[in-house]
Each structure stands twice: as structure tokens, then as C-alpha cells.
Amino acid sequence: MHIISRKALKQFWKRHLDSMKPLSRWFRIMEKNDFVSFNDLRDTFPTADKVGDLIVFNVGGNKYRLIVSIHFNRSKVYIRHVLTHPEYDKGAWKK
């Protein structure tokens, strides 16, 4: 999968240093796979959830949320938000 862009992850882990390892792991797994569907993705990431057109990943032991848009037909992943769990719960990302 082609991930757009890693910059959002780097900016987040500069503020939350303990997120670097789990976000890097997520990035490596996504980059090395070509998921063809959401069900295929869930084989690797069983806690991933669909929320509307977006996919939400629990990262770092449920401490962080990574929200992406995936175009399976083009093998593209667009990072929309990287949030702490409390930021995610506020729901502002849905707007």
C-alpha cells in the first residue's frame, strides 16, 4: 500500500514519543501489504473499525487512534487524523 503521508505520523510522535514504535510498526505492515478489502485488512488488524468511509486503528495498546481513508482499488492509504484516545472520544474529527 502507498501511504500518504508519513509526515503526519512523525509530527504526532514528536509530541507523543511513546507512539513512535507502534505507529512505525503500523506503517511497515501497511507498506508491505496490498490489502484488497476491509475484510482482508481485518485479517491483519482485527481491531480495525469502519466509521463511515474511514477506518480507525487502535494503536499503542488502545492509547492512540489512527484514522485513515483507504482506496483498496488503488492501494492508497490517506492518513486523516492521529489522535490520543481522549481526543478521539471528543469526536471533532468526524466533522
PDB file of N, CA and C in Angstrom:
ATOM      1  N   MET A   1       0.850  -1.177   0.000  1.00  0.00           N
ATOM      2  CA  MET A   1       0.000   0.000   0.000  1.00  0.00           C
ATOM      3  C   MET A   1       0.898   1.244   0.000  1.00  0.00           C
ATOM      4  N   HIS A   2       0.435   2.247  -0.665  1.00  0.00           N
ATOM      5  CA  HIS A   2       1.140   3.522  -0.687  1.00  0.00           C
ATOM      6  C   HIS A   2       0.469   4.435   0.337  1.00  0.00           C
ATOM      7  N   ILE A   3       1.236   4.891   1.321  1.00  0.00           N
ATOM      8  CA  ILE A   3       0.693   5.665   2.433  1.00  0.00           C
ATOM      9  C   ILE A   3       1.019   7.143   2.255  1.00  0.00           C
ATOM     10  N   ILE A   4      -0.020   7.962   2.350  1.00  0.00           N
ATOM     11  CA  ILE A   4       0.115   9.404   2.173  1.00  0.00           C
ATOM     12  C   ILE A   4      -0.376  10.060   3.466  1.00  0.00           C
ATOM     13  N   SER A   5       0.392  10.623   4.252  1.00  0.00           N
ATOM     14  CA  SER A   5       1.831  10.680   4.222  1.00  0.00           C
ATOM     15  C   SER A   5       2.379  10.342   5.601  1.00  0.00           C
ATOM     16  N   ARG A   6       3.600   9.895   5.628  1.00  0.00           N
ATOM     17  CA  ARG A   6       4.260   9.531   6.880  1.00  0.00           C
ATOM     18  C   ARG A   6       4.521  10.763   7.753  1.00  0.00           C
ATOM     19  N   LYS A   7       4.522  11.916   7.125  1.00  0.00           N
ATOM     20  CA  LYS A   7       4.782  13.165   7.844  1.00  0.00           C
ATOM     21  C   LYS A   7       3.807  13.349   9.015  1.00  0.00           C
ATOM     22  N   ALA A   8       2.544  13.015   8.824  1.00  0.00           N
ATOM     23  CA  ALA A   8       1.551  13.152   9.892  1.00  0.00           C
ATOM     24  C   ALA A   8       1.911  12.279  11.086  1.00  0.00           C
ATOM     25  N   LEU A   9       2.420  11.082  10.822  1.00  0.00           N
ATOM     26  CA  LEU A   9       2.837  10.188  11.904  1.00  0.00           C
ATOM     27  C   LEU A   9       4.021  10.773  12.654  1.00  0.00           C
ATOM     28  N   LYS A  10       5.001  11.273  11.907  1.00  0.00           N
ATOM     29  CA  LYS A  10       6.197  11.854  12.530  1.00  0.00           C
ATOM     30  C   LYS A  10       5.850  13.061  13.397  1.00  0.00           C
ATOM     31  N   GLN A  11       4.960  13.897  12.909  1.00  0.00           N
ATOM     32  CA  GLN A  11       4.562  15.069  13.689  1.00  0.00           C
ATOM     33  C   GLN A  11       3.888  14.654  14.992  1.00  0.00           C
ATOM     34  N   PHE A  12       3.078  13.595  14.920  1.00  0.00           N
ATOM     35  CA  PHE A  12       2.388  13.124  16.107  1.00  0.00           C
ATOM     36  C   PHE A  12       3.367  12.541  17.112  1.00  0.00           C
ATOM     37  N   TRP A  13       4.292  11.700  16.641  1.00  0.00           N
ATOM     38  CA  TRP A  13       5.180  11.066  17.612  1.00  0.00           C
ATOM     39  C   TRP A  13       6.228  12.013  18.174  1.00  0.00           C
ATOM     40  N   LYS A  14       6.399  13.175  17.568  1.00  0.00           N
ATOM     41  CA  LYS A  14       7.250  14.194  18.190  1.00  0.00           C
ATOM     42  C   LYS A  14       6.596  14.729  19.466  1.00  0.00           C
ATOM     43  N   ARG A  15       5.265  14.769  19.473  1.00  0.00           N
ATOM     44  CA  ARG A  15       4.516  15.227  20.653  1.00  0.00           C
ATOM     45  C   ARG A  15       4.239  14.099  21.640  1.00  0.00           C
ATOM     46  N   HIS A  16       4.175  12.861  21.134  1.00  0.00           N
ATOM     47  CA  HIS A  16       3.868  11.690  21.953  1.00  0.00           C
ATOM     48  C   HIS A  16       4.918  10.625  21.641  1.00  0.00           C
ATOM     49  N   LEU A  17       6.067  10.738  22.298  1.00  0.00           N
ATOM     50  CA  LEU A  17       7.223   9.892  21.979  1.00  0.00           C
ATOM     51  C   LEU A  17       6.930   8.397  22.049  1.00  0.00           C
ATOM     52  N   ASP A  18       6.069   7.979  22.961  1.00  0.00           N
ATOM     53  CA  ASP A  18       5.779   6.557  23.089  1.00  0.00           C
ATOM     54  C   ASP A  18       4.931   6.013  21.938  1.00  0.00           C
ATOM     55  N   SER A  19       4.445   6.879  21.068  1.00  0.00           N
ATOM     56  CA  SER A  19       3.669   6.421  19.913  1.00  0.00           C
ATOM     57  C   SER A  19       4.552   6.056  18.724  1.00  0.00           C
ATOM     58  N   MET A  20       5.833   6.413  18.786  1.00  0.00           N
ATOM     59  CA  MET A  20       6.719   6.190  17.636  1.00  0.00           C
ATOM     60  C   MET A  20       6.810   4.712  17.245  1.00  0.00           C
ATOM     61  N   LYS A  21       7.044   3.853  18.203  1.00  0.00           N
ATOM     62  CA  LYS A  21       7.216   2.435  17.900  1.00  0.00           C
ATOM     63  C   LYS A  21       5.940   1.809  17.327  1.00  0.00           C
ATOM     64  N   PRO A  22       4.772   1.973  17.966  1.00  0.00           N
ATOM     65  CA  PRO A  22       3.575   1.353  17.386  1.00  0.00           C
ATOM     66  C   PRO A  22       3.154   1.967  16.047  1.00  0.00           C
ATOM     67  N   LEU A  23       3.337   3.279  15.879  1.00  0.00           N
ATOM     68  CA  LEU A  23       2.977   3.888  14.594  1.00  0.00           C
ATOM     69  C   LEU A  23       3.939   3.446  13.491  1.00  0.00           C
ATOM     70  N   SER A  24       5.214   3.317  13.816  1.00  0.00           N
ATOM     71  CA  SER A  24       6.187   2.820  12.829  1.00  0.00           C
ATOM     72  C   SER A  24       5.874   1.391  12.437  1.00  0.00           C
ATOM     73  N   ARG A  25       5.477   0.593  13.418  1.00  0.00           N
ATOM     74  CA  ARG A  25       5.107  -0.806  13.141  1.00  0.00           C
ATOM     75  C   ARG A  25       3.902  -0.856  12.202  1.00  0.00           C
ATOM     76  N   TRP A  26       2.872  -0.051  12.500  1.00  0.00           N
ATOM     77  CA  TRP A  26       1.691   0.011  11.636  1.00  0.00           C
ATOM     78  C   TRP A  26       2.103   0.395  10.211  1.00  0.00           C
ATOM     79  N   PHE A  27       2.960   1.414  10.100  1.00  0.00           N
ATOM     80  CA  PHE A  27       3.408   1.893   8.793  1.00  0.00           C
ATOM     81  C   PHE A  27       4.106   0.776   8.011  1.00  0.00           C
ATOM     82  N   ARG A  28       5.013   0.065   8.655  1.00  0.00           N
ATOM     83  CA  ARG A  28       5.748  -1.020   7.980  1.00  0.00           C
ATOM     84  C   ARG A  28       4.807  -2.128   7.504  1.00  0.00           C
ATOM     85  N   ILE A  29       3.860  -2.497   8.347  1.00  0.00           N
ATOM     86  CA  ILE A  29       2.915  -3.554   7.966  1.00  0.00           C
ATOM     87  C   ILE A  29       2.074  -3.100   6.775  1.00  0.00           C
ATOM     88  N   MET A  30       1.560  -1.890   6.837  1.00  0.00           N
ATOM     89  CA  MET A  30       0.715  -1.384   5.747  1.00  0.00           C
ATOM     90  C   MET A  30       1.500  -1.268   4.446  1.00  0.00           C
ATOM     91  N   GLU A  31       2.727  -0.787   4.558  1.00  0.00           N
ATOM     92  CA  GLU A  31       3.560  -0.566   3.375  1.00  0.00           C
ATOM     93  C   GLU A  31       3.902  -1.880   2.661  1.00  0.00           C
ATOM     94  N   LYS A  32       4.044  -2.949   3.421  1.00  0.00           N
ATOM     95  CA  LYS A  32       4.467  -4.230   2.851  1.00  0.00           C
ATOM     96  C   LYS A  32       3.318  -5.097   2.364  1.00  0.00           C
ATOM     97  N   ASN A  33       2.084  -4.644   2.538  1.00  0.00           N
ATOM     98  CA  ASN A  33       0.920  -5.442   2.144  1.00  0.00           C
ATOM     99  C   ASN A  33       0.079  -4.701   1.123  1.00  0.00           C
ATOM    100  N   ASP A  34      -0.635  -5.473   0.339  1.00  0.00           N
ATOM    101  CA  ASP A  34      -1.640  -4.925  -0.573  1.00  0.00           C
ATOM    102  C   ASP A  34      -2.976  -5.526  -0.194  1.00  0.00           C
ATOM    103  N   PHE A  35      -3.660  -4.847   0.697  1.00  0.00           N
ATOM    104  CA  PHE A  35      -4.965  -5.314   1.132  1.00  0.00           C
ATOM    105  C   PHE A  35      -5.985  -5.033   0.035  1.00  0.00           C
ATOM    106  N   VAL A  36      -6.832  -6.001  -0.250  1.00  0.00           N
ATOM    107  CA  VAL A  36      -7.800  -5.853  -1.339  1.00  0.00           C
ATOM    108  C   VAL A  36      -9.190  -5.466  -0.844  1.00  0.00           C
ATOM    109  N   SER A  37      -9.410  -5.591   0.473  1.00  0.00           N
ATOM    110  CA  SER A  37     -10.714  -5.254   1.036  1.00  0.00           C
ATOM    111  C   SER A  37     -10.572  -5.000   2.529  1.00  0.00           C
ATOM    112  N   PHE A  38     -11.637  -4.483   3.117  1.00  0.00           N
ATOM    113  CA  PHE A  38     -11.636  -4.257   4.559  1.00  0.00           C
ATOM    114  C   PHE A  38     -11.506  -5.587   5.302  1.00  0.00           C
ATOM    115  N   ASN A  39     -12.189  -6.610   4.820  1.00  0.00           N
ATOM    116  CA  ASN A  39     -12.093  -7.927   5.460  1.00  0.00           C
ATOM    117  C   ASN A  39     -10.666  -8.461   5.408  1.00  0.00           C
ATOM    118  N   ASP A  40      -9.992  -8.246   4.304  1.00  0.00           N
ATOM    119  CA  ASP A  40      -8.590  -8.643   4.163  1.00  0.00           C
ATOM    120  C   ASP A  40      -7.724  -7.888   5.175  1.00  0.00           C
ATOM    121  N   LEU A  41      -7.977  -6.618   5.323  1.00  0.00           N
ATOM    122  CA  LEU A  41      -7.259  -5.782   6.290  1.00  0.00           C
ATOM    123  C   LEU A  41      -7.470  -6.291   7.714  1.00  0.00           C
ATOM    124  N   ARG A  42      -8.696  -6.689   8.028  1.00  0.00           N
ATOM    125  CA  ARG A  42      -9.013  -7.160   9.388  1.00  0.00           C
ATOM    126  C   ARG A  42      -8.335  -8.482   9.721  1.00  0.00           C
ATOM    127  N   ASP A  43      -7.904  -9.223   8.719  1.00  0.00           N
ATOM    128  CA  ASP A  43      -7.131 -10.431   8.996  1.00  0.00           C
ATOM    129  C   ASP A  43      -5.812 -10.071   9.672  1.00  0.00           C
ATOM    130  N   THR A  44      -5.260  -8.924   9.329  1.00  0.00           N
ATOM    131  CA  THR A  44      -4.002  -8.447   9.914  1.00  0.00           C
ATOM    132  C   THR A  44      -4.245  -7.529  11.102  1.00  0.00           C
ATOM    133  N   PHE A  45      -5.278  -6.704  11.024  1.00  0.00           N
ATOM    134  CA  PHE A  45      -5.618  -5.748  12.077  1.00  0.00           C
ATOM    135  C   PHE A  45      -7.047  -6.029  12.560  1.00  0.00           C
ATOM    136  N   PRO A  46      -7.224  -7.026  13.412  1.00  0.00           N
ATOM    137  CA  PRO A  46      -8.582  -7.426  13.804  1.00  0.00           C
ATOM    138  C   PRO A  46      -9.368  -6.369  14.576  1.00  0.00           C
ATOM    139  N   THR A  47      -8.692  -5.375  15.152  1.00  0.00           N
ATOM    140  CA  THR A  47      -9.417  -4.341  15.896  1.00  0.00           C
ATOM    141  C   THR A  47      -9.762  -3.123  15.034  1.00  0.00           C
ATOM    142  N   ALA A  48      -9.399  -3.147  13.761  1.00  0.00           N
ATOM    143  CA  ALA A  48      -9.736  -2.018  12.880  1.00  0.00           C
ATOM    144  C   ALA A  48     -11.258  -1.937  12.736  1.00  0.00           C
ATOM    145  N   ASP A  49     -11.768  -0.716  12.735  1.00  0.00           N
ATOM    146  CA  ASP A  49     -13.213  -0.489  12.612  1.00  0.00           C
ATOM    147  C   ASP A  49     -13.497   0.478  11.483  1.00  0.00           C
ATOM    148  N   LYS A  50     -14.631   0.260  10.834  1.00  0.00           N
ATOM    149  CA  LYS A  50     -15.113   1.218   9.833  1.00  0.00           C
ATOM    150  C   LYS A  50     -16.031   2.202  10.528  1.00  0.00           C
ATOM    151  N   VAL A  51     -15.777   3.477  10.285  1.00  0.00           N
ATOM    152  CA  VAL A  51     -16.639   4.546  10.775  1.00  0.00           C
ATOM    153  C   VAL A  51     -16.958   5.406   9.560  1.00  0.00           C
ATOM    154  N   GLY A  52     -18.107   5.191   8.982  1.00  0.00           N
ATOM    155  CA  GLY A  52     -18.444   5.851   7.718  1.00  0.00           C
ATOM    156  C   GLY A  52     -17.510   5.347   6.637  1.00  0.00           C
ATOM    157  N   ASP A  53     -16.868   6.286   5.940  1.00  0.00           N
ATOM    158  CA  ASP A  53     -15.920   5.923   4.879  1.00  0.00           C
ATOM    159  C   ASP A  53     -14.489   5.784   5.403  1.00  0.00           C
ATOM    160  N   LEU A  54     -14.296   5.974   6.691  1.00  0.00           N
ATOM    161  CA  LEU A  54     -12.958   5.942   7.272  1.00  0.00           C
ATOM    162  C   LEU A  54     -12.721   4.648   8.036  1.00  0.00           C
ATOM    163  N   ILE A  55     -11.451   4.345   8.260  1.00  0.00           N
ATOM    164  CA  ILE A  55     -11.069   3.182   9.039  1.00  0.00           C
ATOM    165  C   ILE A  55     -10.259   3.672  10.232  1.00  0.00           C
ATOM    166  N   VAL A  56     -10.608   3.163  11.400  1.00  0.00           N
ATOM    167  CA  VAL A  56      -9.977   3.572  12.653  1.00  0.00           C
ATOM    168  C   VAL A  56      -9.162   2.405  13.199  1.00  0.00           C
ATOM    169  N   PHE A  57      -7.901   2.685  13.482  1.00  0.00           N
ATOM    170  CA  PHE A  57      -6.993   1.694  14.065  1.00  0.00           C
ATOM    171  C   PHE A  57      -6.710   2.080  15.512  1.00  0.00           C
ATOM    172  N   ASN A  58      -6.729   1.098  16.399  1.00  0.00           N
ATOM    173  CA  ASN A  58      -6.271   1.277  17.778  1.00  0.00           C
ATOM    174  C   ASN A  58      -4.770   1.048  17.758  1.00  0.00           C
ATOM    175  N   VAL A  59      -4.027   2.011  18.250  1.00  0.00           N
ATOM    176  CA  VAL A  59      -2.561   1.939  18.195  1.00  0.00           C
ATOM    177  C   VAL A  59      -1.999   2.136  19.598  1.00  0.00           C
ATOM    178  N   GLY A  60      -0.924   1.441  19.886  1.00  0.00           N
ATOM    179  CA  GLY A  60      -0.237   1.632  21.167  1.00  0.00           C
ATOM    180  C   GLY A  60      -1.046   1.152  22.349  1.00  0.00           C
ATOM    181  N   GLY A  61      -1.617  -0.040  22.226  1.00  0.00           N
ATOM    182  CA  GLY A  61      -2.389  -0.583  23.338  1.00  0.00           C
ATOM    183  C   GLY A  61      -3.643   0.209  23.627  1.00  0.00           C
ATOM    184  N   ASN A  62      -4.291   0.679  22.560  1.00  0.00           N
ATOM    185  CA  ASN A  62      -5.551   1.412  22.659  1.00  0.00           C
ATOM    186  C   ASN A  62      -5.363   2.833  23.206  1.00  0.00           C
ATOM    187  N   LYS A  63      -4.120   3.310  23.235  1.00  0.00           N
ATOM    188  CA  LYS A  63      -3.830   4.646  23.739  1.00  0.00           C
ATOM    189  C   LYS A  63      -4.039   5.715  22.663  1.00  0.00           C
ATOM    190  N   TYR A  64      -3.868   5.315  21.411  1.00  0.00           N
ATOM    191  CA  TYR A  64      -3.967   6.249  20.289  1.00  0.00           C
ATOM    192  C   TYR A  64      -4.928   5.713  19.232  1.00  0.00           C
ATOM    193  N   ARG A  65      -5.429   6.633  18.409  1.00  0.00           N
ATOM    194  CA  ARG A  65      -6.301   6.276  17.293  1.00  0.00           C
ATOM    195  C   ARG A  65      -5.701   6.842  16.014  1.00  0.00           C
ATOM    196  N   LEU A  66      -5.630   5.994  15.016  1.00  0.00           N
ATOM    197  CA  LEU A  66      -5.154   6.387  13.697  1.00  0.00           C
ATOM    198  C   LEU A  66      -6.339   6.253  12.753  1.00  0.00           C
ATOM    199  N   ILE A  67      -6.721   7.354  12.128  1.00  0.00           N
ATOM    200  CA  ILE A  67      -7.893   7.381  11.259  1.00  0.00           C
ATOM    201  C   ILE A  67      -7.427   7.612   9.835  1.00  0.00           C
ATOM    202  N   VAL A  68      -7.806   6.690   8.962  1.00  0.00           N
ATOM    203  CA  VAL A  68      -7.335   6.736   7.584  1.00  0.00           C
ATOM    204  C   VAL A  68      -8.481   6.517   6.616  1.00  0.00           C
ATOM    205  N   SER A  69      -8.234   6.911   5.399  1.00  0.00           N
ATOM    206  CA  SER A  69      -9.108   6.596   4.274  1.00  0.00           C
ATOM    207  C   SER A  69      -8.314   5.659   3.374  1.00  0.00           C
ATOM    208  N   ILE A  70      -8.886   4.511   3.059  1.00  0.00           N
ATOM    209  CA  ILE A  70      -8.182   3.545   2.220  1.00  0.00           C
ATOM    210  C   ILE A  70      -8.954   3.344   0.923  1.00  0.00           C
ATOM    211  N   HIS A  71      -8.233   3.470  -0.181  1.00  0.00           N
ATOM    212  CA  HIS A  71      -8.781   3.175  -1.501  1.00  0.00           C
ATOM    213  C   HIS A  71      -8.154   1.841  -1.926  1.00  0.00           C
ATOM    214  N   PHE A  72      -8.847   0.763  -1.607  1.00  0.00           N
ATOM    215  CA  PHE A  72      -8.311  -0.571  -1.852  1.00  0.00           C
ATOM    216  C   PHE A  72      -8.029  -0.814  -3.331  1.00  0.00           C
ATOM    217  N   ASN A  73      -8.869  -0.276  -4.205  1.00  0.00           N
ATOM    218  CA  ASN A  73      -8.694  -0.487  -5.643  1.00  0.00           C
ATOM    219  C   ASN A  73      -7.432   0.175  -6.198  1.00  0.00           C
ATOM    220  N   ARG A  74      -6.909   1.171  -5.485  1.00  0.00           N
ATOM    221  CA  ARG A  74      -5.691   1.862  -5.922  1.00  0.00           C
ATOM    222  C   ARG A  74      -4.505   1.636  -4.997  1.00  0.00           C
ATOM    223  N   SER A  75      -4.714   0.839  -3.935  1.00  0.00           N
ATOM    224  CA  SER A  75      -3.662   0.564  -2.936  1.00  0.00           C
ATOM    225  C   SER A  75      -3.112   1.846  -2.313  1.00  0.00           C
ATOM    226  N   LYS A  76      -4.017   2.776  -2.002  1.00  0.00           N
ATOM    227  CA  LYS A  76      -3.624   4.057  -1.402  1.00  0.00           C
ATOM    228  C   LYS A  76      -4.251   4.200  -0.022  1.00  0.00           C
ATOM    229  N   VAL A  77      -3.446   4.699   0.913  1.00  0.00           N
ATOM    230  CA  VAL A  77      -3.896   4.969   2.277  1.00  0.00           C
ATOM    231  C   VAL A  77      -3.634   6.437   2.563  1.00  0.00           C
ATOM    232  N   TYR A  78      -4.686   7.154   2.931  1.00  0.00           N
ATOM    233  CA  TYR A  78      -4.567   8.566   3.259  1.00  0.00           C
ATOM    234  C   TYR A  78      -4.767   8.739   4.754  1.00  0.00           C
ATOM    235  N   ILE A  79      -3.739   9.229   5.438  1.00  0.00           N
ATOM    236  CA  ILE A  79      -3.841   9.462   6.873  1.00  0.00           C
ATOM    237  C   ILE A  79      -4.640  10.739   7.088  1.00  0.00           C
ATOM    238  N   ARG A  80      -5.752  10.605   7.809  1.00  0.00           N
ATOM    239  CA  ARG A  80      -6.627  11.751   8.062  1.00  0.00           C
ATOM    240  C   ARG A  80      -6.375  12.367   9.439  1.00  0.00           C
ATOM    241  N   HIS A  81      -6.212  11.505  10.468  1.00  0.00           N
ATOM    242  CA  HIS A  81      -6.011  12.003  11.828  1.00  0.00           C
ATOM    243  C   HIS A  81      -5.182  10.996  12.617  1.00  0.00           C
ATOM    244  N   VAL A  82      -4.352  11.514  13.509  1.00  0.00           N
ATOM    245  CA  VAL A  82      -3.671  10.704  14.511  1.00  0.00           C
ATOM    246  C   VAL A  82      -4.003  11.390  15.832  1.00  0.00           C
ATOM    247  N   LEU A  83      -4.674  10.661  16.710  1.00  0.00           N
ATOM    248  CA  LEU A  83      -5.219  11.270  17.914  1.00  0.00           C
ATOM    249  C   LEU A  83      -4.931  10.432  19.154  1.00  0.00           C
ATOM    250  N   THR A  84      -4.939  11.090  20.293  1.00  0.00           N
ATOM    251  CA  THR A  84      -4.946  10.335  21.543  1.00  0.00           C
ATOM    252  C   THR A  84      -6.369   9.803  21.724  1.00  0.00           C
ATOM    253  N   HIS A  85      -6.515   8.831  22.601  1.00  0.00           N
ATOM    254  CA  HIS A  85      -7.850   8.279  22.836  1.00  0.00           C
ATOM    255  C   HIS A  85      -8.826   9.360  23.316  1.00  0.00           C
ATOM    256  N   PRO A  86      -8.452  10.227  24.271  1.00  0.00           N
ATOM    257  CA  PRO A  86      -9.378  11.294  24.686  1.00  0.00           C
ATOM    258  C   PRO A  86      -9.750  12.257  23.544  1.00  0.00           C
ATOM    259  N   GLU A  87      -8.795  12.588  22.679  1.00  0.00           N
ATOM    260  CA  GLU A  87      -9.097  13.458  21.527  1.00  0.00           C
ATOM    261  C   GLU A  87     -10.100  12.778  20.601  1.00  0.00           C
ATOM    262  N   TYR A  88      -9.908  11.487  20.384  1.00  0.00           N
ATOM    263  CA  TYR A  88     -10.815  10.710  19.546  1.00  0.00           C
ATOM    264  C   TYR A  88     -12.219  10.719  20.130  1.00  0.00           C
ATOM    265  N   ASP A  89     -12.320  10.513  21.429  1.00  0.00           N
ATOM    266  CA  ASP A  89     -13.619  10.441  22.088  1.00  0.00           C
ATOM    267  C   ASP A  89     -14.405  11.744  21.984  1.00  0.00           C
ATOM    268  N   LYS A  90     -13.720  12.878  21.863  1.00  0.00           N
ATOM    269  CA  LYS A  90     -14.410  14.159  21.725  1.00  0.00           C
ATOM    270  C   LYS A  90     -15.195  14.225  20.418  1.00  0.00           C
ATOM    271  N   GLY A  91     -14.740  13.498  19.399  1.00  0.00           N
ATOM    272  CA  GLY A  91     -15.485  13.392  18.154  1.00  0.00           C
ATOM    273  C   GLY A  91     -15.321  14.514  17.153  1.00  0.00           C
ATOM    274  N   ALA A  92     -14.475  15.491  17.410  1.00  0.00           N
ATOM    275  CA  ALA A  92     -14.305  16.611  16.483  1.00  0.00           C
ATOM    276  C   ALA A  92     -13.784  16.155  15.128  1.00  0.00           C
ATOM    277  N   TRP A  93     -13.086  15.027  15.067  1.00  0.00           N
ATOM    278  CA  TRP A  93     -12.540  14.502  13.826  1.00  0.00           C
ATOM    279  C   TRP A  93     -13.616  14.078  12.838  1.00  0.00           C
ATOM    280  N   LYS A  94     -14.842  13.868  13.315  1.00  0.00           N
ATOM    281  CA  LYS A  94     -15.931  13.417  12.449  1.00  0.00           C
ATOM    282  C   LYS A  94     -16.482  14.528  11.560  1.00  0.00           C
ATOM    283  N   LYS A  95     -16.159  15.783  11.885  1.00  0.00           N
ATOM    284  CA  LYS A  95     -16.709  16.928  11.142  1.00  0.00           C
ATOM    285  C   LYS A  95     -15.948  17.182   9.867  1.00  0.00           C
TER     286      LYS A  95
END
